[in-house]
């Protein structure tokens, strides 16, 4: 096999390896972004739920105070 053809095959192999690695990193970053978005949404809804629970508790406390008078 001529040296030029052998070198070209090696370059193609290395290009494919780099491209495969870039694709893996892209998929990893995409998954990390999706996890970050899911975590933010979970945090927002959890905070809303806590706030709603606190409002309900305050309403119960106010009703209890009104009943005590």
C-alpha atoms as a PDB file:
ATOM      1  CA  UNK A   1       0.000   0.000   0.000  1.00  0.00           C
ATOM      2  CA  UNK A   2       1.394   3.439  -0.897  1.00  0.00           C
ATOM      3  CA  UNK A   3       2.429   5.615   2.018  1.00  0.00           C
ATOM      4  CA  UNK A   4       0.033   8.436   1.029  1.00  0.00           C
ATOM      5  CA  UNK A   5      -2.995   6.109   1.083  1.00  0.00           C
ATOM      6  CA  UNK A   6      -1.941   4.693   4.428  1.00  0.00           C
ATOM      7  CA  UNK A   7      -1.580   8.227   5.886  1.00  0.00           C
ATOM      8  CA  UNK A   8      -4.950   9.266   4.470  1.00  0.00           C
ATOM      9  CA  UNK A   9      -6.609   6.290   6.139  1.00  0.00           C
ATOM     10  CA  UNK A  10      -5.029   7.184   9.479  1.00  0.00           C
ATOM     11  CA  UNK A  11      -6.202  10.798   9.155  1.00  0.00           C
ATOM     12  CA  UNK A  12      -9.729   9.641   8.347  1.00  0.00           C
ATOM     13  CA  UNK A  13      -9.689   7.329  11.349  1.00  0.00           C
ATOM     14  CA  UNK A  14      -8.517  10.132  13.626  1.00  0.00           C
ATOM     15  CA  UNK A  15     -11.113  12.527  12.204  1.00  0.00           C
ATOM     16  CA  UNK A  16     -13.829   9.969  12.868  1.00  0.00           C
ATOM     17  CA  UNK A  17     -12.555   9.443  16.399  1.00  0.00           C
ATOM     18  CA  UNK A  18     -12.566  13.174  17.118  1.00  0.00           C
ATOM     19  CA  UNK A  19     -16.006  13.564  15.575  1.00  0.00           C
ATOM     20  CA  UNK A  20     -17.299  10.675  17.678  1.00  0.00           C
ATOM     21  CA  UNK A  21     -15.822  12.249  20.809  1.00  0.00           C
ATOM     22  CA  UNK A  22     -17.412  15.614  19.909  1.00  0.00           C
ATOM     23  CA  UNK A  23     -20.759  13.916  19.414  1.00  0.00           C
ATOM     24  CA  UNK A  24     -20.463  12.230  22.804  1.00  0.00           C
ATOM     25  CA  UNK A  25     -19.630  15.562  24.443  1.00  0.00           C
ATOM     26  CA  UNK A  26     -22.531  17.231  22.659  1.00  0.00           C
ATOM     27  CA  UNK A  27     -24.923  14.542  23.915  1.00  0.00           C
ATOM     28  CA  UNK A  28     -23.471  14.865  27.427  1.00  0.00           C
ATOM     29  CA  UNK A  29     -23.898  18.660  27.398  1.00  0.00           C
ATOM     30  CA  UNK A  30     -27.442  18.298  26.069  1.00  0.00           C
ATOM     31  CA  UNK A  31     -28.293  15.870  28.868  1.00  0.00           C
ATOM     32  CA  UNK A  32     -26.732  18.201  31.432  1.00  0.00           C
ATOM     33  CA  UNK A  33     -28.782  21.104  30.073  1.00  0.00           C
ATOM     34  CA  UNK A  34     -31.969  19.044  30.239  1.00  0.00           C
ATOM     35  CA  UNK A  35     -31.185  18.027  33.812  1.00  0.00           C
ATOM     36  CA  UNK A  36     -30.518  21.651  34.737  1.00  0.00           C
ATOM     37  CA  UNK A  37     -33.842  22.739  33.226  1.00  0.00           C
ATOM     38  CA  UNK A  38     -35.687  19.937  35.027  1.00  0.00           C
ATOM     39  CA  UNK A  39     -33.991  20.864  38.309  1.00  0.00           C
ATOM     40  CA  UNK A  40     -34.931  24.543  37.902  1.00  0.00           C
ATOM     41  CA  UNK A  41     -38.550  23.659  37.143  1.00  0.00           C
ATOM     42  CA  UNK A  42     -38.680  21.336  40.131  1.00  0.00           C
ATOM     43  CA  UNK A  43     -37.214  24.036  42.359  1.00  0.00           C
ATOM     44  CA  UNK A  44     -39.691  26.649  41.113  1.00  0.00           C
ATOM     45  CA  UNK A  45     -42.708  24.388  41.642  1.00  0.00           C
ATOM     46  CA  UNK A  46     -41.411  23.276  45.036  1.00  0.00           C
ATOM     47  CA  UNK A  47     -41.033  26.909  46.122  1.00  0.00           C
ATOM     48  CA  UNK A  48     -44.540  27.680  44.849  1.00  0.00           C
ATOM     49  CA  UNK A  49     -45.906  24.715  46.777  1.00  0.00           C
ATOM     50  CA  UNK A  50     -44.132  25.823  49.971  1.00  0.00           C
ATOM     51  CA  UNK A  51     -45.441  29.355  49.537  1.00  0.00           C
ATOM     52  CA  UNK A  52     -48.995  28.060  48.999  1.00  0.00           C
ATOM     53  CA  UNK A  53     -48.669  25.839  52.073  1.00  0.00           C
ATOM     54  CA  UNK A  54     -47.489  28.813  54.143  1.00  0.00           C
ATOM     55  CA  UNK A  55     -50.425  30.921  52.923  1.00  0.00           C
ATOM     56  CA  UNK A  56     -52.846  28.136  53.861  1.00  0.00           C
ATOM     57  CA  UNK A  57     -51.202  27.825  57.284  1.00  0.00           C
ATOM     58  CA  UNK A  58     -51.462  31.603  57.828  1.00  0.00           C
ATOM     59  CA  UNK A  59     -55.162  31.487  56.881  1.00  0.00           C
ATOM     60  CA  UNK A  60     -55.725  28.685  59.382  1.00  0.00           C
ATOM     61  CA  UNK A  61     -53.849  30.621  62.067  1.00  0.00           C
ATOM     62  CA  UNK A  62     -55.931  33.746  61.384  1.00  0.00           C
ATOM     63  CA  UNK A  63     -59.156  31.731  61.520  1.00  0.00           C
ATOM     64  CA  UNK A  64     -58.015  30.170  64.752  1.00  0.00           C
ATOM     65  CA  UNK A  65     -57.232  33.603  66.213  1.00  0.00           C
ATOM     66  CA  UNK A  66     -60.644  34.902  65.155  1.00  0.00           C
ATOM     67  CA  UNK A  67     -62.332  31.917  66.779  1.00  0.00           C
ATOM     68  CA  UNK A  68     -60.476  32.476  70.020  1.00  0.00           C
ATOM     69  CA  UNK A  69     -61.754  36.033  70.498  1.00  0.00           C
END
